[in-house]
PDB file of N, CA and C in Angstrom:
ATOM      1  N   MET A   1       0.851  -1.176   0.000  1.00  0.00           N
ATOM      2  CA  MET A   1       0.000   0.000   0.000  1.00  0.00           C
ATOM      3  C   MET A   1       0.893   1.235   0.000  1.00  0.00           C
ATOM      4  N   PRO A   2       0.707   2.151  -0.929  1.00  0.00           N
ATOM      5  CA  PRO A   2       1.546   3.354  -1.011  1.00  0.00           C
ATOM      6  C   PRO A   2       1.279   4.315   0.148  1.00  0.00           C
ATOM      7  N   ASP A   3       2.323   5.008   0.577  1.00  0.00           N
ATOM      8  CA  ASP A   3       2.195   6.020   1.626  1.00  0.00           C
ATOM      9  C   ASP A   3       1.824   7.351   1.004  1.00  0.00           C
ATOM     10  N   GLY A   4       1.012   8.118   1.690  1.00  0.00           N
ATOM     11  CA  GLY A   4       0.665   9.449   1.242  1.00  0.00           C
ATOM     12  C   GLY A   4      -0.452   9.442   0.207  1.00  0.00           C
ATOM     13  N   ILE A   5      -1.207  10.530   0.215  1.00  0.00           N
ATOM     14  CA  ILE A   5      -2.346  10.639  -0.694  1.00  0.00           C
ATOM     15  C   ILE A   5      -1.904  10.691  -2.152  1.00  0.00           C
ATOM     16  N   ALA A   6      -0.865  11.456  -2.437  1.00  0.00           N
ATOM     17  CA  ALA A   6      -0.417  11.607  -3.826  1.00  0.00           C
ATOM     18  C   ALA A   6      -0.017  10.260  -4.420  1.00  0.00           C
ATOM     19  N   ASN A   7       0.761   9.480  -3.667  1.00  0.00           N
ATOM     20  CA  ASN A   7       1.181   8.157  -4.162  1.00  0.00           C
ATOM     21  C   ASN A   7      -0.009   7.215  -4.290  1.00  0.00           C
ATOM     22  N   LEU A   8      -0.900   7.262  -3.311  1.00  0.00           N
ATOM     23  CA  LEU A   8      -2.083   6.414  -3.360  1.00  0.00           C
ATOM     24  C   LEU A   8      -2.929   6.741  -4.591  1.00  0.00           C
ATOM     25  N   LEU A   9      -3.142   8.027  -4.843  1.00  0.00           N
ATOM     26  CA  LEU A   9      -3.928   8.428  -6.008  1.00  0.00           C
ATOM     27  C   LEU A   9      -3.270   7.986  -7.307  1.00  0.00           C
ATOM     28  N   THR A  10      -1.977   8.186  -7.412  1.00  0.00           N
ATOM     29  CA  THR A  10      -1.246   7.783  -8.622  1.00  0.00           C
ATOM     30  C   THR A  10      -1.353   6.285  -8.849  1.00  0.00           C
ATOM     31  N   ASN A  11      -1.085   5.515  -7.798  1.00  0.00           N
ATOM     32  CA  ASN A  11      -1.128   4.059  -7.932  1.00  0.00           C
ATOM     33  C   ASN A  11      -2.544   3.543  -8.178  1.00  0.00           C
ATOM     34  N   ALA A  12      -3.523   4.150  -7.512  1.00  0.00           N
ATOM     35  CA  ALA A  12      -4.914   3.723  -7.717  1.00  0.00           C
ATOM     36  C   ALA A  12      -5.374   4.044  -9.134  1.00  0.00           C
ATOM     37  N   GLN A  13      -4.967   5.190  -9.655  1.00  0.00           N
ATOM     38  CA  GLN A  13      -5.325   5.549 -11.030  1.00  0.00           C
ATOM     39  C   GLN A  13      -4.707   4.549 -12.015  1.00  0.00           C
ATOM     40  N   LEU A  14      -3.463   4.184 -11.789  1.00  0.00           N
ATOM     41  CA  LEU A  14      -2.822   3.170 -12.638  1.00  0.00           C
ATOM     42  C   LEU A  14      -3.564   1.839 -12.541  1.00  0.00           C
ATOM     43  N   MET A  15      -3.970   1.476 -11.321  1.00  0.00           N
ATOM     44  CA  MET A  15      -4.690   0.223 -11.105  1.00  0.00           C
ATOM     45  C   MET A  15      -6.017   0.246 -11.857  1.00  0.00           C
ATOM     46  N   VAL A  16      -6.758   1.337 -11.739  1.00  0.00           N
ATOM     47  CA  VAL A  16      -8.053   1.456 -12.420  1.00  0.00           C
ATOM     48  C   VAL A  16      -7.876   1.312 -13.925  1.00  0.00           C
ATOM     49  N   GLU A  17      -6.904   2.022 -14.463  1.00  0.00           N
ATOM     50  CA  GLU A  17      -6.678   1.978 -15.918  1.00  0.00           C
ATOM     51  C   GLU A  17      -6.264   0.579 -16.375  1.00  0.00           C
ATOM     52  N   ALA A  18      -5.404  -0.061 -15.577  1.00  0.00           N
ATOM     53  CA  ALA A  18      -4.961  -1.408 -15.954  1.00  0.00           C
ATOM     54  C   ALA A  18      -6.104  -2.417 -15.837  1.00  0.00           C
ATOM     55  N   LEU A  19      -6.923  -2.302 -14.795  1.00  0.00           N
ATOM     56  CA  LEU A  19      -8.066  -3.199 -14.643  1.00  0.00           C
ATOM     57  C   LEU A  19      -9.074  -3.015 -15.773  1.00  0.00           C
ATOM     58  N   ALA A  20      -9.225  -1.769 -16.242  1.00  0.00           N
ATOM     59  CA  ALA A  20     -10.202  -1.470 -17.284  1.00  0.00           C
ATOM     60  C   ALA A  20      -9.678  -1.769 -18.693  1.00  0.00           C
ATOM     61  N   ALA A  21      -8.382  -1.950 -18.830  1.00  0.00           N
ATOM     62  CA  ALA A  21      -7.799  -2.197 -20.151  1.00  0.00           C
ATOM     63  C   ALA A  21      -8.395  -3.465 -20.769  1.00  0.00           C
ATOM     64  N   ALA A  22      -8.684  -3.389 -22.048  1.00  0.00           N
ATOM     65  CA  ALA A  22      -9.351  -4.487 -22.763  1.00  0.00           C
ATOM     66  C   ALA A  22      -8.579  -5.804 -22.647  1.00  0.00           C
ATOM     67  N   ASP A  23      -7.255  -5.724 -22.679  1.00  0.00           N
ATOM     68  CA  ASP A  23      -6.486  -6.970 -22.637  1.00  0.00           C
ATOM     69  C   ASP A  23      -6.381  -7.561 -21.226  1.00  0.00           C
ATOM     70  N   ASN A  24      -6.839  -6.835 -20.217  1.00  0.00           N
ATOM     71  CA  ASN A  24      -6.823  -7.351 -18.848  1.00  0.00           C
ATOM     72  C   ASN A  24      -8.215  -7.665 -18.305  1.00  0.00           C
ATOM     73  N   SER A  25      -9.232  -7.012 -18.840  1.00  0.00           N
ATOM     74  CA  SER A  25     -10.567  -7.078 -18.237  1.00  0.00           C
ATOM     75  C   SER A  25     -11.125  -8.494 -18.159  1.00  0.00           C
ATOM     76  N   ALA A  26     -10.923  -9.296 -19.153  1.00  0.00           N
ATOM     77  CA  ALA A  26     -11.464 -10.659 -19.138  1.00  0.00           C
ATOM     78  C   ALA A  26     -10.821 -11.490 -18.027  1.00  0.00           C
ATOM     79  N   GLU A  27      -9.526 -11.374 -17.883  1.00  0.00           N
ATOM     80  CA  GLU A  27      -8.803 -12.168 -16.886  1.00  0.00           C
ATOM     81  C   GLU A  27      -9.139 -11.722 -15.462  1.00  0.00           C
ATOM     82  N   VAL A  28      -9.140 -10.400 -15.211  1.00  0.00           N
ATOM     83  CA  VAL A  28      -9.367  -9.934 -13.841  1.00  0.00           C
ATOM     84  C   VAL A  28     -10.832 -10.009 -13.430  1.00  0.00           C
ATOM     85  N   SER A  29     -11.741 -10.015 -14.397  1.00  0.00           N
ATOM     86  CA  SER A  29     -13.169 -10.056 -14.053  1.00  0.00           C
ATOM     87  C   SER A  29     -13.554 -11.383 -13.414  1.00  0.00           C
ATOM     88  N   THR A  30     -12.826 -12.443 -13.715  1.00  0.00           N
ATOM     89  CA  THR A  30     -13.137 -13.742 -13.119  1.00  0.00           C
ATOM     90  C   THR A  30     -12.795 -13.788 -11.631  1.00  0.00           C
ATOM     91  N   ASN A  31     -11.953 -12.851 -11.193  1.00  0.00           N
ATOM     92  CA  ASN A  31     -11.542 -12.794  -9.784  1.00  0.00           C
ATOM     93  C   ASN A  31     -12.146 -11.596  -9.047  1.00  0.00           C
ATOM     94  N   GLY A  32     -13.171 -10.981  -9.621  1.00  0.00           N
ATOM     95  CA  GLY A  32     -13.837  -9.867  -8.926  1.00  0.00           C
ATOM     96  C   GLY A  32     -13.574  -8.509  -9.529  1.00  0.00           C
ATOM     97  N   GLY A  33     -12.711  -8.428 -10.522  1.00  0.00           N
ATOM     98  CA  GLY A  33     -12.399  -7.152 -11.152  1.00  0.00           C
ATOM     99  C   GLY A  33     -13.425  -6.789 -12.207  1.00  0.00           C
ATOM    100  N   THR A  34     -14.674  -6.754 -11.817  1.00  0.00           N
ATOM    101  CA  THR A  34     -15.766  -6.483 -12.750  1.00  0.00           C
ATOM    102  C   THR A  34     -15.798  -5.005 -13.137  1.00  0.00           C
ATOM    103  N   GLU A  35     -16.632  -4.712 -14.123  1.00  0.00           N
ATOM    104  CA  GLU A  35     -16.791  -3.327 -14.570  1.00  0.00           C
ATOM    105  C   GLU A  35     -17.294  -2.445 -13.420  1.00  0.00           C
ATOM    106  N   GLU A  36     -18.208  -2.981 -12.619  1.00  0.00           N
ATOM    107  CA  GLU A  36     -18.734  -2.227 -11.468  1.00  0.00           C
ATOM    108  C   GLU A  36     -17.626  -1.937 -10.454  1.00  0.00           C
ATOM    109  N   PHE A  37     -16.760  -2.932 -10.243  1.00  0.00           N
ATOM    110  CA  PHE A  37     -15.641  -2.769  -9.316  1.00  0.00           C
ATOM    111  C   PHE A  37     -14.694  -1.679  -9.807  1.00  0.00           C
ATOM    112  N   VAL A  38     -14.393  -1.697 -11.091  1.00  0.00           N
ATOM    113  CA  VAL A  38     -13.494  -0.707 -11.694  1.00  0.00           C
ATOM    114  C   VAL A  38     -14.136   0.681 -11.612  1.00  0.00           C
ATOM    115  N   THR A  39     -15.430   0.748 -11.905  1.00  0.00           N
ATOM    116  CA  THR A  39     -16.143   2.033 -11.828  1.00  0.00           C
ATOM    117  C   THR A  39     -16.121   2.572 -10.404  1.00  0.00           C
ATOM    118  N   ALA A  40     -16.299   1.706  -9.417  1.00  0.00           N
ATOM    119  CA  ALA A  40     -16.243   2.130  -8.012  1.00  0.00           C
ATOM    120  C   ALA A  40     -14.860   2.686  -7.673  1.00  0.00           C
ATOM    121  N   GLY A  41     -13.824   2.039  -8.182  1.00  0.00           N
ATOM    122  CA  GLY A  41     -12.456   2.522  -7.960  1.00  0.00           C
ATOM    123  C   GLY A  41     -12.237   3.874  -8.600  1.00  0.00           C
ATOM    124  N   ARG A  42     -12.688   4.017  -9.837  1.00  0.00           N
ATOM    125  CA  ARG A  42     -12.541   5.281 -10.556  1.00  0.00           C
ATOM    126  C   ARG A  42     -13.289   6.405  -9.829  1.00  0.00           C
ATOM    127  N   THR A  43     -14.490   6.097  -9.351  1.00  0.00           N
ATOM    128  CA  THR A  43     -15.297   7.083  -8.613  1.00  0.00           C
ATOM    129  C   THR A  43     -14.594   7.506  -7.327  1.00  0.00           C
ATOM    130  N   THR A  44     -14.025   6.537  -6.625  1.00  0.00           N
ATOM    131  CA  THR A  44     -13.337   6.838  -5.368  1.00  0.00           C
ATOM    132  C   THR A  44     -12.078   7.657  -5.609  1.00  0.00           C
ATOM    133  N   VAL A  45     -11.353   7.355  -6.679  1.00  0.00           N
ATOM    134  CA  VAL A  45     -10.169   8.152  -7.041  1.00  0.00           C
ATOM    135  C   VAL A  45     -10.581   9.598  -7.286  1.00  0.00           C
ATOM    136  N   THR A  46     -11.633   9.787  -8.057  1.00  0.00           N
ATOM    137  CA  THR A  46     -12.118  11.133  -8.367  1.00  0.00           C
ATOM    138  C   THR A  46     -12.559  11.857  -7.102  1.00  0.00           C
ATOM    139  N   LEU A  47     -13.265  11.149  -6.236  1.00  0.00           N
ATOM    140  CA  LEU A  47     -13.712  11.735  -4.971  1.00  0.00           C
ATOM    141  C   LEU A  47     -12.528  12.184  -4.129  1.00  0.00           C
ATOM    142  N   LEU A  48     -11.541  11.316  -3.962  1.00  0.00           N
ATOM    143  CA  LEU A  48     -10.383  11.649  -3.141  1.00  0.00           C
ATOM    144  C   LEU A  48      -9.589  12.795  -3.756  1.00  0.00           C
ATOM    145  N   GLU A  49      -9.462  12.827  -5.070  1.00  0.00           N
ATOM    146  CA  GLU A  49      -8.768  13.948  -5.720  1.00  0.00           C
ATOM    147  C   GLU A  49      -9.455  15.267  -5.384  1.00  0.00           C
ATOM    148  N   GLY A  50     -10.764  15.285  -5.487  1.00  0.00           N
ATOM    149  CA  GLY A  50     -11.517  16.500  -5.173  1.00  0.00           C
ATOM    150  C   GLY A  50     -11.374  16.909  -3.720  1.00  0.00           C
ATOM    151  N   LEU A  51     -11.511  15.951  -2.825  1.00  0.00           N
ATOM    152  CA  LEU A  51     -11.382  16.239  -1.399  1.00  0.00           C
ATOM    153  C   LEU A  51      -9.972  16.702  -1.052  1.00  0.00           C
ATOM    154  N   ASN A  52      -8.984  16.084  -1.644  1.00  0.00           N
ATOM    155  CA  ASN A  52      -7.600  16.465  -1.397  1.00  0.00           C
ATOM    156  C   ASN A  52      -7.345  17.891  -1.882  1.00  0.00           C
ATOM    157  N   ASN A  53      -7.881  18.232  -3.047  1.00  0.00           N
ATOM    158  CA  ASN A  53      -7.722  19.594  -3.562  1.00  0.00           C
ATOM    159  C   ASN A  53      -8.389  20.608  -2.640  1.00  0.00           C
ATOM    160  N   GLN A  54      -9.587  20.273  -2.161  1.00  0.00           N
ATOM    161  CA  GLN A  54     -10.267  21.165  -1.220  1.00  0.00           C
ATOM    162  C   GLN A  54      -9.460  21.338   0.061  1.00  0.00           C
ATOM    163  N   GLN A  55      -8.913  20.241   0.548  1.00  0.00           N
ATOM    164  CA  GLN A  55      -8.117  20.300   1.771  1.00  0.00           C
ATOM    165  C   GLN A  55      -6.880  21.185   1.568  1.00  0.00           C
ATOM    166  N   GLU A  56      -6.220  21.056   0.428  1.00  0.00           N
ATOM    167  CA  GLU A  56      -5.035  21.872   0.155  1.00  0.00           C
ATOM    168  C   GLU A  56      -5.401  23.354   0.078  1.00  0.00           C
ATOM    169  N   GLU A  57      -6.556  23.667  -0.514  1.00  0.00           N
ATOM    170  CA  GLU A  57      -7.017  25.053  -0.564  1.00  0.00           C
ATOM    171  C   GLU A  57      -7.280  25.578   0.846  1.00  0.00           C
ATOM    172  N   LEU A  58      -7.898  24.758   1.686  1.00  0.00           N
ATOM    173  CA  LEU A  58      -8.165  25.159   3.062  1.00  0.00           C
ATOM    174  C   LEU A  58      -6.868  25.373   3.843  1.00  0.00           C
ATOM    175  N   LYS A  59      -5.881  24.516   3.603  1.00  0.00           N
ATOM    176  CA  LYS A  59      -4.592  24.683   4.268  1.00  0.00           C
ATOM    177  C   LYS A  59      -3.952  26.010   3.865  1.00  0.00           C
ATOM    178  N   ALA A  60      -4.030  26.336   2.574  1.00  0.00           N
ATOM    179  CA  ALA A  60      -3.467  27.600   2.097  1.00  0.00           C
ATOM    180  C   ALA A  60      -4.207  28.775   2.720  1.00  0.00           C
ATOM    181  N   ASP A  61      -5.534  28.685   2.773  1.00  0.00           N
ATOM    182  CA  ASP A  61      -6.334  29.743   3.399  1.00  0.00           C
ATOM    183  C   ASP A  61      -5.985  29.876   4.877  1.00  0.00           C
ATOM    184  N   LEU A  62      -5.792  28.748   5.545  1.00  0.00           N
ATOM    185  CA  LEU A  62      -5.450  28.767   6.965  1.00  0.00           C
ATOM    186  C   LEU A  62      -4.100  29.435   7.193  1.00  0.00           C
ATOM    187  N   LYS A  63      -3.133  29.150   6.335  1.00  0.00           N
ATOM    188  CA  LYS A  63      -1.820  29.782   6.473  1.00  0.00           C
ATOM    189  C   LYS A  63      -1.934  31.291   6.326  1.00  0.00           C
ATOM    190  N   LEU A  64      -2.728  31.738   5.356  1.00  0.00           N
ATOM    191  CA  LEU A  64      -2.918  33.175   5.167  1.00  0.00           C
ATOM    192  C   LEU A  64      -3.614  33.795   6.374  1.00  0.00           C
ATOM    193  N   LYS A  65      -4.649  33.136   6.866  1.00  0.00           N
ATOM    194  CA  LYS A  65      -5.393  33.663   8.017  1.00  0.00           C
ATOM    195  C   LYS A  65      -4.519  33.668   9.263  1.00  0.00           C
ATOM    196  N   THR A  66      -3.683  32.648   9.432  1.00  0.00           N
ATOM    197  CA  THR A  66      -2.768  32.603  10.572  1.00  0.00           C
ATOM    198  C   THR A  66      -1.787  33.760  10.515  1.00  0.00           C
ATOM    199  N   ALA A  67      -1.288  34.075   9.333  1.00  0.00           N
ATOM    200  CA  ALA A  67      -0.387  35.220   9.180  1.00  0.00           C
ATOM    201  C   ALA A  67      -1.102  36.518   9.539  1.00  0.00           C
ATOM    202  N   GLU A  68      -2.362  36.661   9.132  1.00  0.00           N
ATOM    203  CA  GLU A  68      -3.146  37.847   9.475  1.00  0.00           C
ATOM    204  C   GLU A  68      -3.344  37.952  10.983  1.00  0.00           C
ATOM    205  N   VAL A  69      -3.679  36.827  11.609  1.00  0.00           N
ATOM    206  CA  VAL A  69      -3.865  36.811  13.063  1.00  0.00           C
ATOM    207  C   VAL A  69      -2.563  37.198  13.765  1.00  0.00           C
ATOM    208  N   ASN A  70      -1.454  36.637  13.319  1.00  0.00           N
ATOM    209  CA  ASN A  70      -0.159  36.947  13.936  1.00  0.00           C
ATOM    210  C   ASN A  70       0.185  38.425  13.789  1.00  0.00           C
ATOM    211  N   ASP A  71      -0.087  38.997  12.622  1.00  0.00           N
ATOM    212  CA  ASP A  71       0.171  40.426  12.400  1.00  0.00           C
ATOM    213  C   ASP A  71      -0.698  41.282  13.315  1.00  0.00           C
ATOM    214  N   ALA A  72      -1.976  40.951  13.409  1.00  0.00           N
ATOM    215  CA  ALA A  72      -2.889  41.707  14.268  1.00  0.00           C
ATOM    216  C   ALA A  72      -2.486  41.571  15.736  1.00  0.00           C
ATOM    217  N   GLN A  73      -2.080  40.374  16.126  1.00  0.00           N
ATOM    218  CA  GLN A  73      -1.655  40.148  17.509  1.00  0.00           C
ATOM    219  C   GLN A  73      -0.410  40.978  17.819  1.00  0.00           C
ATOM    220  N   ARG A  74       0.531  41.002  16.885  1.00  0.00           N
ATOM    221  CA  ARG A  74       1.743  41.788  17.060  1.00  0.00           C
ATOM    222  C   ARG A  74       1.400  43.282  17.195  1.00  0.00           C
ATOM    223  N   SER A  75       0.493  43.748  16.349  1.00  0.00           N
ATOM    224  CA  SER A  75       0.071  45.145  16.399  1.00  0.00           C
ATOM    225  C   SER A  75      -0.598  45.471  17.729  1.00  0.00           C
ATOM    226  N   LEU A  76      -1.464  44.584  18.196  1.00  0.00           N
ATOM    227  CA  LEU A  76      -2.152  44.823  19.461  1.00  0.00           C
ATOM    228  C   LEU A  76      -1.177  44.801  20.633  1.00  0.00           C
ATOM    229  N   ARG A  77      -0.206  43.892  20.591  1.00  0.00           N
ATOM    230  CA  ARG A  77       0.802  43.856  21.662  1.00  0.00           C
ATOM    231  C   ARG A  77       1.587  45.168  21.703  1.00  0.00           C
ATOM    232  N   ASP A  78       1.961  45.683  20.527  1.00  0.00           N
ATOM    233  CA  ASP A  78       2.674  46.963  20.470  1.00  0.00           C
ATOM    234  C   ASP A  78       1.811  48.086  21.030  1.00  0.00           C
ATOM    235  N   TRP A  79       0.556  48.124  20.613  1.00  0.00           N
ATOM    236  CA  TRP A  79      -0.362  49.149  21.103  1.00  0.00           C
ATOM    237  C   TRP A  79      -0.526  49.052  22.613  1.00  0.00           C
ATOM    238  N   TYR A  80      -0.726  47.828  23.105  1.00  0.00           N
ATOM    239  CA  TYR A  80      -0.939  47.608  24.529  1.00  0.00           C
ATOM    240  C   TYR A  80       0.286  48.040  25.336  1.00  0.00           C
ATOM    241  N   SER A  81       1.448  47.758  24.821  1.00  0.00           N
ATOM    242  CA  SER A  81       2.683  48.142  25.491  1.00  0.00           C
ATOM    243  C   SER A  81       2.773  49.669  25.592  1.00  0.00           C
ATOM    244  N   LYS A  82       2.466  50.363  24.516  1.00  0.00           N
ATOM    245  CA  LYS A  82       2.482  51.829  24.514  1.00  0.00           C
ATOM    246  C   LYS A  82       1.418  52.377  25.462  1.00  0.00           C
ATOM    247  N   ALA A  83       0.229  51.788  25.439  1.00  0.00           N
ATOM    248  CA  ALA A  83      -0.850  52.229  26.318  1.00  0.00           C
ATOM    249  C   ALA A  83      -0.452  52.030  27.775  1.00  0.00           C
ATOM    250  N   SER A  84       0.189  50.929  28.087  1.00  0.00           N
ATOM    251  CA  SER A  84       0.640  50.669  29.453  1.00  0.00           C
ATOM    252  C   SER A  84       1.639  51.726  29.899  1.00  0.00           C
ATOM    253  N   ARG A  85       2.577  52.075  29.018  1.00  0.00           N
ATOM    254  CA  ARG A  85       3.559  53.110  29.338  1.00  0.00           C
ATOM    255  C   ARG A  85       2.882  54.447  29.600  1.00  0.00           C
ATOM    256  N   ILE A  86       1.899  54.765  28.760  1.00  0.00           N
ATOM    257  CA  ILE A  86       1.172  56.026  28.922  1.00  0.00           C
ATOM    258  C   ILE A  86       0.514  56.086  30.297  1.00  0.00           C
ATOM    259  N   VAL A  87      -0.183  55.017  30.662  1.00  0.00           N
ATOM    260  CA  VAL A  87      -0.877  54.972  31.955  1.00  0.00           C
ATOM    261  C   VAL A  87       0.122  55.036  33.101  1.00  0.00           C
ATOM    262  N   LYS A  88       1.188  54.292  33.024  1.00  0.00           N
ATOM    263  CA  LYS A  88       2.167  54.263  34.107  1.00  0.00           C
ATOM    264  C   LYS A  88       2.846  55.618  34.292  1.00  0.00           C
ATOM    265  N   LEU A  89       3.121  56.287  33.188  1.00  0.00           N
ATOM    266  CA  LEU A  89       3.721  57.616  33.294  1.00  0.00           C
ATOM    267  C   LEU A  89       2.720  58.628  33.850  1.00  0.00           C
ATOM    268  N   ALA A  90       1.474  58.528  33.420  1.00  0.00           N
ATOM    269  CA  ALA A  90       0.448  59.465  33.875  1.00  0.00           C
ATOM    270  C   ALA A  90       0.125  59.279  35.357  1.00  0.00           C
ATOM    271  N   TYR A  91       0.156  58.045  35.826  1.00  0.00           N
ATOM    272  CA  TYR A  91      -0.223  57.743  37.214  1.00  0.00           C
ATOM    273  C   TYR A  91       0.935  57.104  37.973  1.00  0.00           C
ATOM    274  N   TRP A  92       2.146  57.587  37.739  1.00  0.00           N
ATOM    275  CA  TRP A  92       3.321  56.995  38.365  1.00  0.00           C
ATOM    276  C   TRP A  92       3.216  56.983  39.886  1.00  0.00           C
ATOM    277  N   ASP A  93       2.706  58.060  40.454  1.00  0.00           N
ATOM    278  CA  ASP A  93       2.613  58.166  41.910  1.00  0.00           C
ATOM    279  C   ASP A  93       1.273  57.672  42.454  1.00  0.00           C
ATOM    280  N   GLN A  94       0.413  57.132  41.578  1.00  0.00           N
ATOM    281  CA  GLN A  94      -0.885  56.593  42.013  1.00  0.00           C
ATOM    282  C   GLN A  94      -1.063  55.176  41.452  1.00  0.00           C
ATOM    283  N   GLN A  95      -0.182  54.301  41.835  1.00  0.00           N
ATOM    284  CA  GLN A  95      -0.184  52.956  41.254  1.00  0.00           C
ATOM    285  C   GLN A  95      -1.476  52.190  41.526  1.00  0.00           C
ATOM    286  N   GLU A  96      -2.209  52.561  42.571  1.00  0.00           N
ATOM    287  CA  GLU A  96      -3.492  51.912  42.817  1.00  0.00           C
ATOM    288  C   GLU A  96      -4.479  52.217  41.692  1.00  0.00           C
ATOM    289  N   LYS A  97      -4.279  53.293  40.955  1.00  0.00           N
ATOM    290  CA  LYS A  97      -5.135  53.674  39.822  1.00  0.00           C
ATOM    291  C   LYS A  97      -4.893  52.747  38.615  1.00  0.00           C
ATOM    292  N   TRP A  98      -3.729  52.123  38.570  1.00  0.00           N
ATOM    293  CA  TRP A  98      -3.382  51.245  37.440  1.00  0.00           C
ATOM    294  C   TRP A  98      -4.384  50.113  37.287  1.00  0.00           C
ATOM    295  N   VAL A  99      -4.947  49.647  38.387  1.00  0.00           N
ATOM    296  CA  VAL A  99      -5.892  48.525  38.376  1.00  0.00           C
ATOM    297  C   VAL A  99      -7.071  48.835  37.455  1.00  0.00           C
ATOM    298  N   GLU A 100      -7.471  50.080  37.439  1.00  0.00           N
ATOM    299  CA  GLU A 100      -8.584  50.503  36.584  1.00  0.00           C
ATOM    300  C   GLU A 100      -8.295  50.204  35.105  1.00  0.00           C
ATOM    301  N   PHE A 101      -7.014  50.192  34.751  1.00  0.00           N
ATOM    302  CA  PHE A 101      -6.588  49.945  33.379  1.00  0.00           C
ATOM    303  C   PHE A 101      -6.146  48.505  33.147  1.00  0.00           C
ATOM    304  N   GLY A 102      -6.316  47.690  34.182  1.00  0.00           N
ATOM    305  CA  GLY A 102      -5.935  46.283  34.068  1.00  0.00           C
ATOM    306  C   GLY A 102      -4.474  46.015  34.289  1.00  0.00           C
ATOM    307  N   LEU A 103      -3.776  46.978  34.901  1.00  0.00           N
ATOM    308  CA  LEU A 103      -2.347  46.838  35.150  1.00  0.00           C
ATOM    309  C   LEU A 103      -2.116  46.592  36.636  1.00  0.00           C
ATOM    310  N   THR A 104      -1.036  45.912  36.943  1.00  0.00           N
ATOM    311  CA  THR A 104      -0.639  45.708  38.337  1.00  0.00           C
ATOM    312  C   THR A 104       0.774  46.231  38.519  1.00  0.00           C
ATOM    313  N   ALA A 105       1.016  46.755  39.691  1.00  0.00           N
ATOM    314  CA  ALA A 105       2.364  47.273  40.010  1.00  0.00           C
ATOM    315  C   ALA A 105       3.254  46.082  40.343  1.00  0.00           C
ATOM    316  N   LYS A 106       4.417  46.047  39.753  1.00  0.00           N
ATOM    317  CA  LYS A 106       5.389  44.981  40.047  1.00  0.00           C
ATOM    318  C   LYS A 106       6.486  45.569  40.909  1.00  0.00           C
ATOM    319  N   ARG A 107       6.670  45.015  42.070  1.00  0.00           N
ATOM    320  CA  ARG A 107       7.717  45.503  42.975  1.00  0.00           C
ATOM    321  C   ARG A 107       8.570  44.362  43.417  1.00  0.00           C
TER     322      ARG A 107
END
């Protein structure tokens, strides 16, 4: 059995074509390689190809969305750091006021 979807698809496609070939069909049909069996294989290959393509598109979309999330997170961290500095400088002598902004004094 081949490892990986790409190898499985390639080998299964070769198998379907060889099973369906006129010079093989008579011999393999006696052992279960009927036209219906070959059609089922061909259908499954097509199904898996489609699903695999959809999955690859989703992976690409996920990578793009992850990059967007990381950029936004980085931007928010920078903003939050600046906001914290602003509050700490404004209320340096009133550290109990920091709690209102979600900050705690570290001593």
